[in-house]
PDB file of all heavy atoms in Angstrom:
ATOM      1  N   ILE A   1     -39.931  -2.073 -51.873  1.00  0.00           N
ATOM      2  CA  ILE A   1     -39.911  -1.825 -50.366  1.00  0.00           C
ATOM      3  C   ILE A   1     -38.834  -0.798 -49.998  1.00  0.00           C
ATOM      4  O   ILE A   1     -39.139   0.144 -49.311  1.00  0.00           O
ATOM      5  CB  ILE A   1     -39.634  -3.138 -49.602  1.00  0.00           C
ATOM      6  CG1 ILE A   1     -40.812  -4.124 -49.667  1.00  0.00           C
ATOM      7  CG2 ILE A   1     -39.247  -2.935 -48.104  1.00  0.00           C
ATOM      8  CD1 ILE A   1     -40.589  -5.589 -49.158  1.00  0.00           C
ATOM      9  N   LEU A   2     -37.562  -0.960 -50.573  1.00  0.00           N
ATOM     10  CA  LEU A   2     -36.505  -0.054 -50.356  1.00  0.00           C
ATOM     11  C   LEU A   2     -36.772   1.399 -50.917  1.00  0.00           C
ATOM     12  O   LEU A   2     -36.542   2.320 -50.161  1.00  0.00           O
ATOM     13  CB  LEU A   2     -35.170  -0.596 -51.038  1.00  0.00           C
ATOM     14  CG  LEU A   2     -34.558  -1.751 -50.352  1.00  0.00           C
ATOM     15  CD1 LEU A   2     -33.423  -2.289 -51.157  1.00  0.00           C
ATOM     16  CD2 LEU A   2     -34.132  -1.498 -48.924  1.00  0.00           C
ATOM     17  N   LYS A   3     -37.606   1.414 -51.956  1.00  0.00           N
ATOM     18  CA  LYS A   3     -37.993   2.718 -52.529  1.00  0.00           C
ATOM     19  C   LYS A   3     -38.889   3.393 -51.592  1.00  0.00           C
ATOM     20  O   LYS A   3     -38.739   4.608 -51.293  1.00  0.00           O
ATOM     21  CB  LYS A   3     -38.593   2.518 -53.887  1.00  0.00           C
ATOM     22  CG  LYS A   3     -38.842   3.780 -54.700  1.00  0.00           C
ATOM     23  CD  LYS A   3     -39.235   3.479 -56.068  1.00  0.00           C
ATOM     24  CE  LYS A   3     -39.579   4.744 -56.904  1.00  0.00           C
ATOM     25  NZ  LYS A   3     -40.094   4.364 -58.204  1.00  0.00           N
ATOM     26  N   ASN A   4     -39.900   2.667 -51.075  1.00  0.00           N
ATOM     27  CA  ASN A   4     -40.821   3.215 -50.099  1.00  0.00           C
ATOM     28  C   ASN A   4     -40.082   3.731 -48.828  1.00  0.00           C
ATOM     29  O   ASN A   4     -40.379   4.753 -48.288  1.00  0.00           O
ATOM     30  CB  ASN A   4     -41.949   2.169 -49.718  1.00  0.00           C
ATOM     31  CG  ASN A   4     -42.895   1.997 -50.916  1.00  0.00           C
ATOM     32  OD1 ASN A   4     -43.017   2.745 -51.760  1.00  0.00           O
ATOM     33  ND2 ASN A   4     -43.531   0.784 -50.863  1.00  0.00           N
ATOM     34  N   GLN A   5     -39.213   2.789 -48.380  1.00  0.00           N
ATOM     35  CA  GLN A   5     -38.387   3.225 -47.167  1.00  0.00           C
ATOM     36  C   GLN A   5     -37.569   4.461 -47.492  1.00  0.00           C
ATOM     37  O   GLN A   5     -37.468   5.295 -46.643  1.00  0.00           O
ATOM     38  CB  GLN A   5     -37.402   2.046 -46.781  1.00  0.00           C
ATOM     39  CG  GLN A   5     -38.095   0.895 -46.120  1.00  0.00           C
ATOM     40  CD  GLN A   5     -37.108  -0.268 -45.854  1.00  0.00           C
ATOM     41  OE1 GLN A   5     -36.074  -0.259 -46.293  1.00  0.00           O
ATOM     42  NE2 GLN A   5     -37.612  -1.248 -45.044  1.00  0.00           N
ATOM     43  N   HIS A   6     -36.974   4.521 -48.656  1.00  0.00           N
ATOM     44  CA  HIS A   6     -36.211   5.729 -49.026  1.00  0.00           C
ATOM     45  C   HIS A   6     -37.102   7.013 -49.079  1.00  0.00           C
ATOM     46  O   HIS A   6     -36.709   8.052 -48.508  1.00  0.00           O
ATOM     47  CB  HIS A   6     -35.655   5.492 -50.510  1.00  0.00           C
ATOM     48  CG  HIS A   6     -34.861   6.743 -51.012  1.00  0.00           C
ATOM     49  ND1 HIS A   6     -33.702   7.106 -50.497  1.00  0.00           N
ATOM     50  CD2 HIS A   6     -35.220   7.586 -51.960  1.00  0.00           C
ATOM     51  CE1 HIS A   6     -33.349   8.181 -51.106  1.00  0.00           C
ATOM     52  NE2 HIS A   6     -34.242   8.479 -52.068  1.00  0.00           N
ATOM     53  N   GLU A   7     -38.334   6.862 -49.582  1.00  0.00           N
ATOM     54  CA  GLU A   7     -39.247   7.959 -49.530  1.00  0.00           C
ATOM     55  C   GLU A   7     -39.680   8.402 -48.135  1.00  0.00           C
ATOM     56  O   GLU A   7     -39.624   9.613 -47.896  1.00  0.00           O
ATOM     57  CB  GLU A   7     -40.613   7.614 -50.287  1.00  0.00           C
ATOM     58  CG  GLU A   7     -40.390   7.578 -51.879  1.00  0.00           C
ATOM     59  CD  GLU A   7     -39.935   8.752 -52.469  1.00  0.00           C
ATOM     60  OE1 GLU A   7     -40.369   9.877 -52.079  1.00  0.00           O
ATOM     61  OE2 GLU A   7     -39.120   8.691 -53.388  1.00  0.00           O
ATOM     62  N   ASP A   8     -39.829   7.395 -47.286  1.00  0.00           N
ATOM     63  CA  ASP A   8     -40.199   7.634 -45.801  1.00  0.00           C
ATOM     64  C   ASP A   8     -39.011   8.384 -45.202  1.00  0.00           C
ATOM     65  O   ASP A   8     -39.178   9.281 -44.420  1.00  0.00           O
ATOM     66  CB  ASP A   8     -40.390   6.337 -45.099  1.00  0.00           C
ATOM     67  CG  ASP A   8     -41.775   5.802 -45.472  1.00  0.00           C
ATOM     68  OD1 ASP A   8     -42.534   6.369 -46.148  1.00  0.00           O
ATOM     69  OD2 ASP A   8     -42.027   4.527 -45.174  1.00  0.00           O
ATOM     70  N   VAL A   9     -37.749   7.850 -45.494  1.00  0.00           N
ATOM     71  CA  VAL A   9     -36.518   8.431 -44.849  1.00  0.00           C
ATOM     72  C   VAL A   9     -36.380   9.878 -45.388  1.00  0.00           C
ATOM     73  O   VAL A   9     -36.000  10.808 -44.601  1.00  0.00           O
ATOM     74  CB  VAL A   9     -35.211   7.573 -45.115  1.00  0.00           C
ATOM     75  CG1 VAL A   9     -33.968   8.431 -44.861  1.00  0.00           C
ATOM     76  CG2 VAL A   9     -35.390   6.396 -44.387  1.00  0.00           C
ATOM     77  N   LYS A  10     -36.744  10.162 -46.690  1.00  0.00           N
ATOM     78  CA  LYS A  10     -36.579  11.526 -47.287  1.00  0.00           C
ATOM     79  C   LYS A  10     -37.561  12.329 -46.596  1.00  0.00           C
ATOM     80  O   LYS A  10     -37.371  13.587 -46.262  1.00  0.00           O
ATOM     81  CB  LYS A  10     -36.903  11.463 -48.785  1.00  0.00           C
ATOM     82  CG  LYS A  10     -35.604  11.314 -49.586  1.00  0.00           C
ATOM     83  CD  LYS A  10     -35.978  11.168 -51.115  1.00  0.00           C
ATOM     84  CE  LYS A  10     -36.641  12.297 -51.771  1.00  0.00           C
ATOM     85  NZ  LYS A  10     -36.765  12.080 -53.293  1.00  0.00           N
ATOM     86  N   LYS A  11     -38.780  11.900 -46.406  1.00  0.00           N
ATOM     87  CA  LYS A  11     -39.821  12.616 -45.680  1.00  0.00           C
ATOM     88  C   LYS A  11     -39.439  13.099 -44.325  1.00  0.00           C
ATOM     89  O   LYS A  11     -39.580  14.182 -43.788  1.00  0.00           O
ATOM     90  CB  LYS A  11     -41.176  11.868 -45.717  1.00  0.00           C
ATOM     91  CG  LYS A  11     -42.373  12.680 -45.289  1.00  0.00           C
ATOM     92  CD  LYS A  11     -43.688  11.857 -45.505  1.00  0.00           C
ATOM     93  CE  LYS A  11     -44.842  12.740 -44.954  1.00  0.00           C
ATOM     94  NZ  LYS A  11     -46.083  11.850 -44.956  1.00  0.00           N
ATOM     95  N   GLN A  12     -38.890  11.946 -43.530  1.00  0.00           N
ATOM     96  CA  GLN A  12     -38.370  12.211 -42.161  1.00  0.00           C
ATOM     97  C   GLN A  12     -37.295  13.303 -42.098  1.00  0.00           C
ATOM     98  O   GLN A  12     -37.225  14.087 -41.366  1.00  0.00           O
ATOM     99  CB  GLN A  12     -37.925  10.940 -41.577  1.00  0.00           C
ATOM    100  CG  GLN A  12     -38.992   9.894 -41.213  1.00  0.00           C
ATOM    101  CD  GLN A  12     -38.448   8.597 -40.740  1.00  0.00           C
ATOM    102  OE1 GLN A  12     -37.238   8.435 -40.704  1.00  0.00           O
ATOM    103  NE2 GLN A  12     -39.266   7.714 -40.235  1.00  0.00           N
ATOM    104  N   LEU A  13     -36.432  13.051 -43.258  1.00  0.00           N
ATOM    105  CA  LEU A  13     -35.276  14.091 -43.345  1.00  0.00           C
ATOM    106  C   LEU A  13     -35.778  15.539 -43.458  1.00  0.00           C
ATOM    107  O   LEU A  13     -35.426  16.472 -42.780  1.00  0.00           O
ATOM    108  CB  LEU A  13     -34.382  13.748 -44.409  1.00  0.00           C
ATOM    109  CG  LEU A  13     -33.186  14.659 -44.695  1.00  0.00           C
ATOM    110  CD1 LEU A  13     -32.295  14.733 -43.456  1.00  0.00           C
ATOM    111  CD2 LEU A  13     -32.455  14.379 -45.883  1.00  0.00           C
ATOM    112  N   LEU A  14     -36.820  15.655 -44.256  1.00  0.00           N
ATOM    113  CA  LEU A  14     -37.377  16.926 -44.537  1.00  0.00           C
ATOM    114  C   LEU A  14     -38.003  17.476 -43.345  1.00  0.00           C
ATOM    115  O   LEU A  14     -37.914  18.606 -43.037  1.00  0.00           O
ATOM    116  CB  LEU A  14     -38.343  16.822 -45.710  1.00  0.00           C
ATOM    117  CG  LEU A  14     -39.008  18.145 -46.260  1.00  0.00           C
ATOM    118  CD1 LEU A  14     -37.868  19.012 -46.845  1.00  0.00           C
ATOM    119  CD2 LEU A  14     -40.010  17.813 -47.304  1.00  0.00           C
ATOM    120  N   ASP A  15     -38.771  16.592 -42.619  1.00  0.00           N
ATOM    121  CA  ASP A  15     -39.491  17.034 -41.383  1.00  0.00           C
ATOM    122  C   ASP A  15     -38.409  17.444 -40.427  1.00  0.00           C
ATOM    123  O   ASP A  15     -38.517  18.470 -39.735  1.00  0.00           O
ATOM    124  CB  ASP A  15     -40.334  15.877 -40.829  1.00  0.00           C
ATOM    125  CG  ASP A  15     -41.502  15.572 -41.638  1.00  0.00           C
ATOM    126  OD1 ASP A  15     -41.920  16.459 -42.530  1.00  0.00           O
ATOM    127  OD2 ASP A  15     -42.178  14.575 -41.521  1.00  0.00           O
ATOM    128  N   LEU A  16     -37.351  16.661 -40.212  1.00  0.00           N
ATOM    129  CA  LEU A  16     -36.302  17.008 -39.305  1.00  0.00           C
ATOM    130  C   LEU A  16     -35.552  18.346 -39.629  1.00  0.00           C
ATOM    131  O   LEU A  16     -35.175  19.039 -38.879  1.00  0.00           O
ATOM    132  CB  LEU A  16     -35.227  15.904 -39.226  1.00  0.00           C
ATOM    133  CG  LEU A  16     -35.738  14.669 -38.459  1.00  0.00           C
ATOM    134  CD1 LEU A  16     -34.717  13.504 -38.599  1.00  0.00           C
ATOM    135  CD2 LEU A  16     -36.052  14.865 -37.013  1.00  0.00           C
ATOM    136  N   GLN A  17     -35.269  18.540 -41.002  1.00  0.00           N
ATOM    137  CA  GLN A  17     -34.753  19.823 -41.427  1.00  0.00           C
ATOM    138  C   GLN A  17     -35.634  20.925 -41.027  1.00  0.00           C
ATOM    139  O   GLN A  17     -35.169  21.962 -40.562  1.00  0.00           O
ATOM    140  CB  GLN A  17     -34.429  19.684 -42.909  1.00  0.00           C
ATOM    141  CG  GLN A  17     -33.239  18.834 -43.382  1.00  0.00           C
ATOM    142  CD  GLN A  17     -33.123  18.814 -44.795  1.00  0.00           C
ATOM    143  OE1 GLN A  17     -34.075  19.000 -45.644  1.00  0.00           O
ATOM    144  NE2 GLN A  17     -31.975  18.426 -45.268  1.00  0.00           N
ATOM    145  N   LEU A  18     -36.902  20.731 -41.300  1.00  0.00           N
ATOM    146  CA  LEU A  18     -37.796  21.866 -40.933  1.00  0.00           C
ATOM    147  C   LEU A  18     -37.868  22.135 -39.455  1.00  0.00           C
ATOM    148  O   LEU A  18     -37.763  23.294 -38.993  1.00  0.00           O
ATOM    149  CB  LEU A  18     -39.309  21.576 -41.467  1.00  0.00           C
ATOM    150  CG  LEU A  18     -39.491  21.571 -42.935  1.00  0.00           C
ATOM    151  CD1 LEU A  18     -40.907  21.028 -43.327  1.00  0.00           C
ATOM    152  CD2 LEU A  18     -39.286  22.950 -43.498  1.00  0.00           C
ATOM    153  N   GLN A  19     -37.908  20.994 -38.729  1.00  0.00           N
ATOM    154  CA  GLN A  19     -37.835  21.153 -37.218  1.00  0.00           C
ATOM    155  C   GLN A  19     -36.556  21.747 -36.761  1.00  0.00           C
ATOM    156  O   GLN A  19     -36.499  22.703 -35.861  1.00  0.00           O
ATOM    157  CB  GLN A  19     -38.012  19.837 -36.631  1.00  0.00           C
ATOM    158  CG  GLN A  19     -38.155  19.788 -35.107  1.00  0.00           C
ATOM    159  CD  GLN A  19     -38.318  18.330 -34.566  1.00  0.00           C
ATOM    160  OE1 GLN A  19     -38.384  17.425 -35.355  1.00  0.00           O
ATOM    161  NE2 GLN A  19     -38.332  18.218 -33.315  1.00  0.00           N
ATOM    162  N   HIS A  20     -35.427  21.425 -37.404  1.00  0.00           N
ATOM    163  CA  HIS A  20     -34.091  21.912 -37.135  1.00  0.00           C
ATOM    164  C   HIS A  20     -34.111  23.500 -37.426  1.00  0.00           C
ATOM    165  O   HIS A  20     -33.630  24.249 -36.601  1.00  0.00           O
ATOM    166  CB  HIS A  20     -33.037  21.231 -37.928  1.00  0.00           C
ATOM    167  CG  HIS A  20     -31.691  21.768 -37.816  1.00  0.00           C
ATOM    168  ND1 HIS A  20     -30.914  21.753 -36.644  1.00  0.00           N
ATOM    169  CD2 HIS A  20     -30.934  22.564 -38.555  1.00  0.00           C
ATOM    170  CE1 HIS A  20     -29.756  22.310 -36.834  1.00  0.00           C
ATOM    171  NE2 HIS A  20     -29.762  22.886 -37.995  1.00  0.00           N
ATOM    172  N   ASN A  21     -34.693  23.842 -38.529  1.00  0.00           N
ATOM    173  CA  ASN A  21     -34.662  25.250 -38.857  1.00  0.00           C
ATOM    174  C   ASN A  21     -35.509  26.109 -37.975  1.00  0.00           C
ATOM    175  O   ASN A  21     -35.057  27.162 -37.552  1.00  0.00           O
ATOM    176  CB  ASN A  21     -35.189  25.436 -40.262  1.00  0.00           C
ATOM    177  CG  ASN A  21     -34.185  24.970 -41.385  1.00  0.00           C
ATOM    178  OD1 ASN A  21     -33.000  24.881 -41.158  1.00  0.00           O
ATOM    179  ND2 ASN A  21     -34.654  24.765 -42.623  1.00  0.00           N
ATOM    180  N   SER A  22     -36.639  25.513 -37.480  1.00  0.00           N
ATOM    181  CA  SER A  22     -37.548  26.187 -36.485  1.00  0.00           C
ATOM    182  C   SER A  22     -36.759  26.282 -35.141  1.00  0.00           C
ATOM    183  O   SER A  22     -36.833  27.301 -34.511  1.00  0.00           O
ATOM    184  CB  SER A  22     -38.863  25.590 -36.448  1.00  0.00           C
ATOM    185  OG  SER A  22     -38.767  24.338 -35.770  1.00  0.00           O
ATOM    186  N   LEU A  23     -36.103  25.242 -34.746  1.00  0.00           N
ATOM    187  CA  LEU A  23     -35.340  25.193 -33.565  1.00  0.00           C
ATOM    188  C   LEU A  23     -34.248  26.190 -33.492  1.00  0.00           C
ATOM    189  O   LEU A  23     -33.939  26.943 -32.591  1.00  0.00           O
ATOM    190  CB  LEU A  23     -34.886  23.811 -33.187  1.00  0.00           C
ATOM    191  CG  LEU A  23     -35.990  22.791 -32.740  1.00  0.00           C
ATOM    192  CD1 LEU A  23     -35.278  21.436 -32.474  1.00  0.00           C
ATOM    193  CD2 LEU A  23     -36.555  23.323 -31.409  1.00  0.00           C
ATOM    194  N   LYS A  24     -33.629  26.390 -34.732  1.00  0.00           N
ATOM    195  CA  LYS A  24     -32.579  27.217 -34.903  1.00  0.00           C
ATOM    196  C   LYS A  24     -32.974  28.600 -34.826  1.00  0.00           C
ATOM    197  O   LYS A  24     -32.291  29.510 -34.172  1.00  0.00           O
ATOM    198  CB  LYS A  24     -31.901  26.956 -36.319  1.00  0.00           C
ATOM    199  CG  LYS A  24     -30.439  27.451 -36.503  1.00  0.00           C
ATOM    200  CD  LYS A  24     -29.891  26.671 -37.739  1.00  0.00           C
ATOM    201  CE  LYS A  24     -29.474  27.655 -38.726  1.00  0.00           C
ATOM    202  NZ  LYS A  24     -28.862  27.010 -39.917  1.00  0.00           N
ATOM    203  N   LEU A  25     -34.134  28.918 -35.461  1.00  0.00           N
ATOM    204  CA  LEU A  25     -34.766  30.281 -35.355  1.00  0.00           C
ATOM    205  C   LEU A  25     -35.127  30.625 -33.962  1.00  0.00           C
ATOM    206  O   LEU A  25     -34.776  31.603 -33.361  1.00  0.00           O
ATOM    207  CB  LEU A  25     -35.953  30.340 -36.246  1.00  0.00           C
ATOM    208  CG  LEU A  25     -36.613  31.733 -36.431  1.00  0.00           C
ATOM    209  CD1 LEU A  25     -35.689  32.760 -37.044  1.00  0.00           C
ATOM    210  CD2 LEU A  25     -37.933  31.520 -37.193  1.00  0.00           C
TER     211      LEU A  25
END
């Protein structure tokens, strides 16, 4: 469960980083 949650959080982090980069641009 924690591994799946970790993967979800990693995916969310990646999405947020992409969103942050596009917003920064």
